[in-house]
């Protein structure tokens, strides 16, 4: 205390002002840290959501393409299994459709 009495008034005000600034800064440090952490989490969440949206859009396009391919293949399968088409393919091999009905065998 003796040294504080010997100092001029301006030096005492500066010393106490710097102490007050340090107290205020250290008091608000936790708040600023929390705001910074929340900001980083917010930004990370935005990036995560954007990546998921891009992936979802890519998968929707792929599903649409696969659905179209499935429809085309199903239509081709149905048309290739018609009786006339099968008859034409088999006639090239020399096979002929039977005119007699099939026999029904019964065990006695």
N, C-alpha and C. Protein backbone atom coordinates (compact mmCIF):
# COMPACT_ATOMS: atom_id res chain seq x y z
N UNK A 1 0.80 -1.19 0.00
CA UNK A 1 0.00 0.00 0.00
C UNK A 1 0.84 1.25 0.00
N UNK A 2 1.96 1.15 0.53
CA UNK A 2 2.81 2.32 0.61
C UNK A 2 3.23 2.74 -0.78
N UNK A 3 3.42 1.78 -1.69
CA UNK A 3 3.82 2.15 -3.04
C UNK A 3 2.66 2.80 -3.78
N UNK A 4 1.43 2.39 -3.47
CA UNK A 4 0.27 2.97 -4.14
C UNK A 4 0.08 4.41 -3.73
N UNK A 5 0.44 4.75 -2.51
CA UNK A 5 0.30 6.12 -2.03
C UNK A 5 1.30 7.02 -2.71
N UNK A 6 2.49 6.53 -3.00
CA UNK A 6 3.54 7.33 -3.60
C UNK A 6 3.30 7.57 -5.09
N UNK A 7 2.46 6.77 -5.75
CA UNK A 7 2.22 6.92 -7.19
C UNK A 7 1.32 8.12 -7.45
N UNK A 8 1.50 8.71 -8.59
CA UNK A 8 0.56 9.77 -8.97
C UNK A 8 -0.81 9.16 -9.28
N UNK A 9 -1.85 10.00 -9.32
CA UNK A 9 -3.22 9.53 -9.53
C UNK A 9 -3.40 8.87 -10.90
N UNK A 10 -2.79 9.38 -11.94
CA UNK A 10 -2.95 8.83 -13.28
C UNK A 10 -2.42 7.41 -13.35
N UNK A 11 -1.30 7.14 -12.74
CA UNK A 11 -0.73 5.81 -12.76
C UNK A 11 -1.62 4.83 -12.00
N UNK A 12 -2.22 5.28 -10.91
CA UNK A 12 -3.12 4.41 -10.16
C UNK A 12 -4.36 4.07 -11.00
N UNK A 13 -4.90 5.04 -11.71
CA UNK A 13 -6.08 4.79 -12.54
C UNK A 13 -5.76 3.82 -13.67
N UNK A 14 -4.57 3.98 -14.28
CA UNK A 14 -4.19 3.07 -15.35
C UNK A 14 -4.01 1.65 -14.83
N UNK A 15 -3.41 1.51 -13.68
CA UNK A 15 -3.18 0.19 -13.10
C UNK A 15 -4.51 -0.48 -12.77
N UNK A 16 -5.41 0.25 -12.17
CA UNK A 16 -6.71 -0.34 -11.83
C UNK A 16 -7.53 -0.59 -13.08
N UNK A 17 -7.39 0.26 -14.10
CA UNK A 17 -8.13 0.06 -15.35
C UNK A 17 -7.65 -1.21 -16.05
N UNK A 18 -6.34 -1.43 -16.07
CA UNK A 18 -5.84 -2.64 -16.70
C UNK A 18 -6.26 -3.89 -15.93
N UNK A 19 -6.35 -3.79 -14.58
CA UNK A 19 -6.84 -4.90 -13.80
C UNK A 19 -8.32 -5.16 -14.10
N UNK A 20 -9.10 -4.11 -14.25
CA UNK A 20 -10.52 -4.27 -14.56
C UNK A 20 -10.72 -4.89 -15.94
N UNK A 21 -9.90 -4.48 -16.91
CA UNK A 21 -9.99 -5.05 -18.25
C UNK A 21 -9.65 -6.53 -18.19
N UNK A 22 -8.66 -6.89 -17.45
CA UNK A 22 -8.28 -8.30 -17.33
C UNK A 22 -9.41 -9.10 -16.67
N UNK A 23 -10.05 -8.52 -15.66
CA UNK A 23 -11.15 -9.22 -15.00
C UNK A 23 -12.33 -9.40 -15.95
N UNK A 24 -12.65 -8.36 -16.68
CA UNK A 24 -13.77 -8.43 -17.62
C UNK A 24 -13.46 -9.43 -18.72
N UNK A 25 -12.26 -9.36 -19.27
CA UNK A 25 -11.87 -10.27 -20.35
C UNK A 25 -11.90 -11.71 -19.88
N UNK A 26 -11.37 -11.97 -18.69
CA UNK A 26 -11.36 -13.35 -18.20
C UNK A 26 -12.77 -13.80 -17.83
N UNK A 27 -13.63 -12.90 -17.44
CA UNK A 27 -15.02 -13.25 -17.12
C UNK A 27 -15.81 -13.61 -18.37
N UNK A 28 -15.54 -12.95 -19.47
CA UNK A 28 -16.26 -13.21 -20.71
C UNK A 28 -15.61 -14.29 -21.56
N UNK A 29 -14.44 -14.75 -21.18
CA UNK A 29 -13.73 -15.74 -21.98
C UNK A 29 -14.53 -17.03 -22.14
N UNK A 30 -15.17 -17.50 -21.10
CA UNK A 30 -15.98 -18.70 -21.18
C UNK A 30 -17.15 -18.53 -22.13
N UNK A 31 -17.78 -17.37 -22.11
CA UNK A 31 -18.90 -17.09 -23.00
C UNK A 31 -18.44 -17.11 -24.46
N UNK A 32 -17.33 -16.42 -24.74
CA UNK A 32 -16.83 -16.38 -26.12
C UNK A 32 -16.40 -17.76 -26.60
N UNK A 33 -15.83 -18.54 -25.71
CA UNK A 33 -15.44 -19.90 -26.07
C UNK A 33 -16.66 -20.74 -26.41
N UNK A 34 -17.71 -20.60 -25.61
CA UNK A 34 -18.94 -21.35 -25.85
C UNK A 34 -19.58 -20.93 -27.18
N UNK A 35 -19.59 -19.64 -27.47
CA UNK A 35 -20.15 -19.16 -28.74
C UNK A 35 -19.33 -19.69 -29.91
N UNK A 36 -18.00 -19.71 -29.77
CA UNK A 36 -17.15 -20.22 -30.84
C UNK A 36 -17.39 -21.71 -31.06
N UNK A 37 -17.52 -22.48 -30.01
CA UNK A 37 -17.78 -23.92 -30.13
C UNK A 37 -19.14 -24.15 -30.79
N UNK A 38 -20.15 -23.39 -30.36
CA UNK A 38 -21.48 -23.53 -30.97
C UNK A 38 -21.43 -23.17 -32.46
N UNK A 39 -20.67 -22.15 -32.80
CA UNK A 39 -20.52 -21.77 -34.21
C UNK A 39 -19.87 -22.87 -35.03
N UNK A 40 -18.84 -23.50 -34.49
CA UNK A 40 -18.18 -24.59 -35.19
C UNK A 40 -19.11 -25.79 -35.36
N UNK A 41 -19.88 -26.10 -34.35
CA UNK A 41 -20.84 -27.21 -34.45
C UNK A 41 -21.90 -26.89 -35.50
N UNK A 42 -22.36 -25.65 -35.54
CA UNK A 42 -23.35 -25.22 -36.52
C UNK A 42 -22.82 -25.37 -37.94
N UNK A 43 -21.60 -24.93 -38.16
CA UNK A 43 -20.99 -25.02 -39.49
C UNK A 43 -20.79 -26.49 -39.89
N UNK A 44 -20.33 -27.30 -38.95
CA UNK A 44 -20.13 -28.73 -39.23
C UNK A 44 -21.47 -29.39 -39.57
N UNK A 45 -22.52 -29.02 -38.87
CA UNK A 45 -23.84 -29.59 -39.14
C UNK A 45 -24.34 -29.18 -40.53
N UNK A 46 -24.08 -27.95 -40.94
CA UNK A 46 -24.47 -27.51 -42.29
C UNK A 46 -23.74 -28.32 -43.36
N UNK A 47 -22.46 -28.54 -43.17
CA UNK A 47 -21.70 -29.33 -44.14
C UNK A 47 -22.23 -30.77 -44.20
N UNK A 48 -22.53 -31.33 -43.06
CA UNK A 48 -23.07 -32.69 -42.99
C UNK A 48 -24.41 -32.78 -43.72
N UNK A 49 -25.27 -31.80 -43.49
CA UNK A 49 -26.58 -31.79 -44.14
C UNK A 49 -26.44 -31.64 -45.66
N UNK A 50 -25.56 -30.76 -46.10
CA UNK A 50 -25.35 -30.57 -47.54
C UNK A 50 -24.84 -31.86 -48.19
N UNK A 51 -23.92 -32.53 -47.53
CA UNK A 51 -23.39 -33.78 -48.07
C UNK A 51 -24.49 -34.84 -48.17
N UNK A 52 -25.35 -34.90 -47.16
CA UNK A 52 -26.46 -35.86 -47.20
C UNK A 52 -27.45 -35.53 -48.31
N UNK A 53 -27.71 -34.26 -48.55
CA UNK A 53 -28.62 -33.86 -49.61
C UNK A 53 -28.05 -34.22 -50.97
N UNK A 54 -26.75 -33.97 -51.17
CA UNK A 54 -26.12 -34.34 -52.44
C UNK A 54 -26.18 -35.85 -52.66
N UNK A 55 -25.92 -36.63 -51.61
CA UNK A 55 -25.99 -38.08 -51.72
C UNK A 55 -27.40 -38.54 -52.03
N UNK A 56 -28.38 -37.94 -51.38
CA UNK A 56 -29.77 -38.30 -51.61
C UNK A 56 -30.19 -37.99 -53.04
N UNK A 57 -29.80 -36.85 -53.56
CA UNK A 57 -30.13 -36.50 -54.94
C UNK A 57 -29.48 -37.46 -55.94
N UNK A 58 -28.23 -37.83 -55.67
CA UNK A 58 -27.54 -38.77 -56.56
C UNK A 58 -28.24 -40.13 -56.54
N UNK A 59 -28.64 -40.58 -55.37
CA UNK A 59 -29.32 -41.87 -55.26
C UNK A 59 -30.70 -41.84 -55.91
N UNK A 60 -31.40 -40.70 -55.83
CA UNK A 60 -32.70 -40.59 -56.50
C UNK A 60 -32.55 -40.71 -58.01
N UNK A 61 -31.52 -40.07 -58.57
CA UNK A 61 -31.28 -40.19 -60.01
C UNK A 61 -30.97 -41.64 -60.38
N UNK A 62 -30.14 -42.29 -59.57
CA UNK A 62 -29.77 -43.68 -59.85
C UNK A 62 -30.98 -44.59 -59.78
N UNK A 63 -31.86 -44.37 -58.80
CA UNK A 63 -33.07 -45.19 -58.68
C UNK A 63 -33.99 -44.96 -59.87
N UNK A 64 -34.09 -43.72 -60.34
CA UNK A 64 -34.93 -43.44 -61.50
C UNK A 64 -34.39 -44.16 -62.74
N UNK A 65 -33.07 -44.15 -62.92
CA UNK A 65 -32.47 -44.84 -64.06
C UNK A 65 -32.69 -46.36 -63.97
N UNK A 66 -32.51 -46.91 -62.77
CA UNK A 66 -32.71 -48.35 -62.59
C UNK A 66 -34.18 -48.73 -62.78
N UNK A 67 -35.09 -47.87 -62.36
CA UNK A 67 -36.52 -48.15 -62.55
C UNK A 67 -36.86 -48.17 -64.03
N UNK A 68 -36.30 -47.23 -64.79
CA UNK A 68 -36.54 -47.21 -66.23
C UNK A 68 -35.97 -48.46 -66.89
N UNK A 69 -34.76 -48.85 -66.49
CA UNK A 69 -34.14 -50.05 -67.05
C UNK A 69 -34.97 -51.29 -66.72
N UNK A 70 -35.49 -51.37 -65.50
CA UNK A 70 -36.32 -52.50 -65.10
C UNK A 70 -37.59 -52.56 -65.95
N UNK A 71 -38.20 -51.42 -66.18
CA UNK A 71 -39.43 -51.39 -66.98
C UNK A 71 -39.17 -51.86 -68.40
N UNK A 72 -38.07 -51.42 -68.97
CA UNK A 72 -37.71 -51.82 -70.34
C UNK A 72 -37.45 -53.33 -70.40
N UNK A 73 -36.67 -53.85 -69.45
CA UNK A 73 -36.37 -55.28 -69.44
C UNK A 73 -37.62 -56.13 -69.20
N UNK A 74 -38.51 -55.66 -68.35
CA UNK A 74 -39.75 -56.39 -68.11
C UNK A 74 -40.62 -56.44 -69.37
N UNK A 75 -40.69 -55.31 -70.07
CA UNK A 75 -41.47 -55.28 -71.31
C UNK A 75 -40.87 -56.22 -72.36
N UNK A 76 -39.53 -56.24 -72.46
CA UNK A 76 -38.87 -57.14 -73.41
C UNK A 76 -39.12 -58.60 -73.03
N UNK A 77 -39.09 -58.90 -71.76
CA UNK A 77 -39.33 -60.28 -71.30
C UNK A 77 -40.76 -60.72 -71.62
N UNK A 78 -41.70 -59.83 -71.38
CA UNK A 78 -43.10 -60.17 -71.64
C UNK A 78 -43.33 -60.40 -73.13
N UNK A 79 -42.77 -59.54 -73.97
CA UNK A 79 -42.98 -59.72 -75.42
C UNK A 79 -42.23 -60.94 -75.94
N UNK A 80 -41.09 -61.28 -75.36
CA UNK A 80 -40.34 -62.44 -75.85
C UNK A 80 -40.98 -63.76 -75.41
N UNK A 81 -41.86 -63.74 -74.44
CA UNK A 81 -42.49 -64.97 -73.96
C UNK A 81 -43.87 -65.20 -74.57
N UNK A 82 -44.25 -64.43 -75.56
CA UNK A 82 -45.52 -64.67 -76.22
C UNK A 82 -45.42 -65.93 -77.07
N UNK A 83 -46.55 -66.57 -77.28
CA UNK A 83 -46.57 -67.85 -77.96
C UNK A 83 -46.03 -67.76 -79.39
N UNK A 84 -46.39 -66.72 -80.10
CA UNK A 84 -45.92 -66.58 -81.48
C UNK A 84 -44.42 -66.38 -81.58
N UNK A 85 -43.85 -65.62 -80.68
CA UNK A 85 -42.40 -65.37 -80.69
C UNK A 85 -41.65 -66.66 -80.36
N UNK A 86 -42.14 -67.39 -79.39
CA UNK A 86 -41.49 -68.66 -79.02
C UNK A 86 -41.60 -69.65 -80.18
N UNK A 87 -42.77 -69.67 -80.84
CA UNK A 87 -42.97 -70.58 -81.98
C UNK A 87 -41.99 -70.27 -83.10
N UNK A 88 -41.75 -68.98 -83.36
CA UNK A 88 -40.82 -68.59 -84.41
C UNK A 88 -39.38 -69.00 -84.06
N UNK A 89 -39.01 -68.84 -82.82
CA UNK A 89 -37.65 -69.22 -82.39
C UNK A 89 -37.45 -70.73 -82.45
N UNK A 90 -38.45 -71.49 -82.06
CA UNK A 90 -38.35 -72.94 -82.02
C UNK A 90 -38.39 -73.53 -83.43
N UNK A 91 -39.13 -72.88 -84.35
CA UNK A 91 -39.21 -73.40 -85.72
C UNK A 91 -37.85 -73.36 -86.42
N UNK A 92 -36.98 -72.47 -86.02
CA UNK A 92 -35.63 -72.40 -86.58
C UNK A 92 -34.83 -73.65 -86.20
N UNK A 93 -35.16 -74.24 -85.08
CA UNK A 93 -34.48 -75.45 -84.63
C UNK A 93 -35.08 -76.72 -85.23
N UNK A 94 -36.20 -76.57 -85.93
CA UNK A 94 -36.84 -77.72 -86.56
C UNK A 94 -37.91 -78.36 -85.69
N UNK A 95 -38.28 -77.74 -84.61
CA UNK A 95 -39.33 -78.28 -83.74
C UNK A 95 -40.68 -77.74 -84.20
N UNK A 96 -41.71 -78.59 -84.06
CA UNK A 96 -43.06 -78.22 -84.50
C UNK A 96 -44.00 -78.41 -83.33
N UNK A 97 -45.02 -77.57 -83.29
CA UNK A 97 -46.02 -77.67 -82.23
C UNK A 97 -46.89 -78.90 -82.46
N UNK A 98 -47.17 -79.63 -81.42
CA UNK A 98 -47.97 -80.84 -81.52
C UNK A 98 -49.45 -80.48 -81.67
N UNK A 99 -50.14 -81.21 -82.56
CA UNK A 99 -51.57 -80.97 -82.76
C UNK A 99 -52.42 -81.84 -81.85
N UNK A 100 -51.88 -82.92 -81.33
CA UNK A 100 -52.63 -83.81 -80.44
C UNK A 100 -52.52 -83.32 -79.01
N UNK A 101 -53.58 -83.44 -78.27
CA UNK A 101 -53.51 -83.00 -76.87
C UNK A 101 -52.60 -83.92 -76.05
N UNK A 102 -52.18 -83.44 -74.95
CA UNK A 102 -51.30 -84.21 -74.07
C UNK A 102 -52.07 -85.33 -73.42
N UNK A 103 -51.36 -86.45 -73.13
CA UNK A 103 -52.00 -87.59 -72.47
C UNK A 103 -52.05 -87.34 -70.98
N UNK A 104 -53.11 -87.83 -70.37
CA UNK A 104 -53.27 -87.73 -68.95
C UNK A 104 -53.09 -89.13 -68.36
N UNK A 105 -52.01 -89.35 -67.66
CA UNK A 105 -51.71 -90.67 -67.09
C UNK A 105 -52.20 -90.73 -65.65
N UNK A 106 -52.90 -91.84 -65.36
CA UNK A 106 -53.41 -92.03 -64.01
C UNK A 106 -52.90 -93.37 -63.50
N UNK A 107 -52.41 -93.36 -62.31
CA UNK A 107 -51.92 -94.60 -61.70
C UNK A 107 -53.08 -95.31 -61.01
N UNK A 108 -53.22 -96.63 -61.28
CA UNK A 108 -54.31 -97.38 -60.67
C UNK A 108 -53.81 -98.28 -59.58
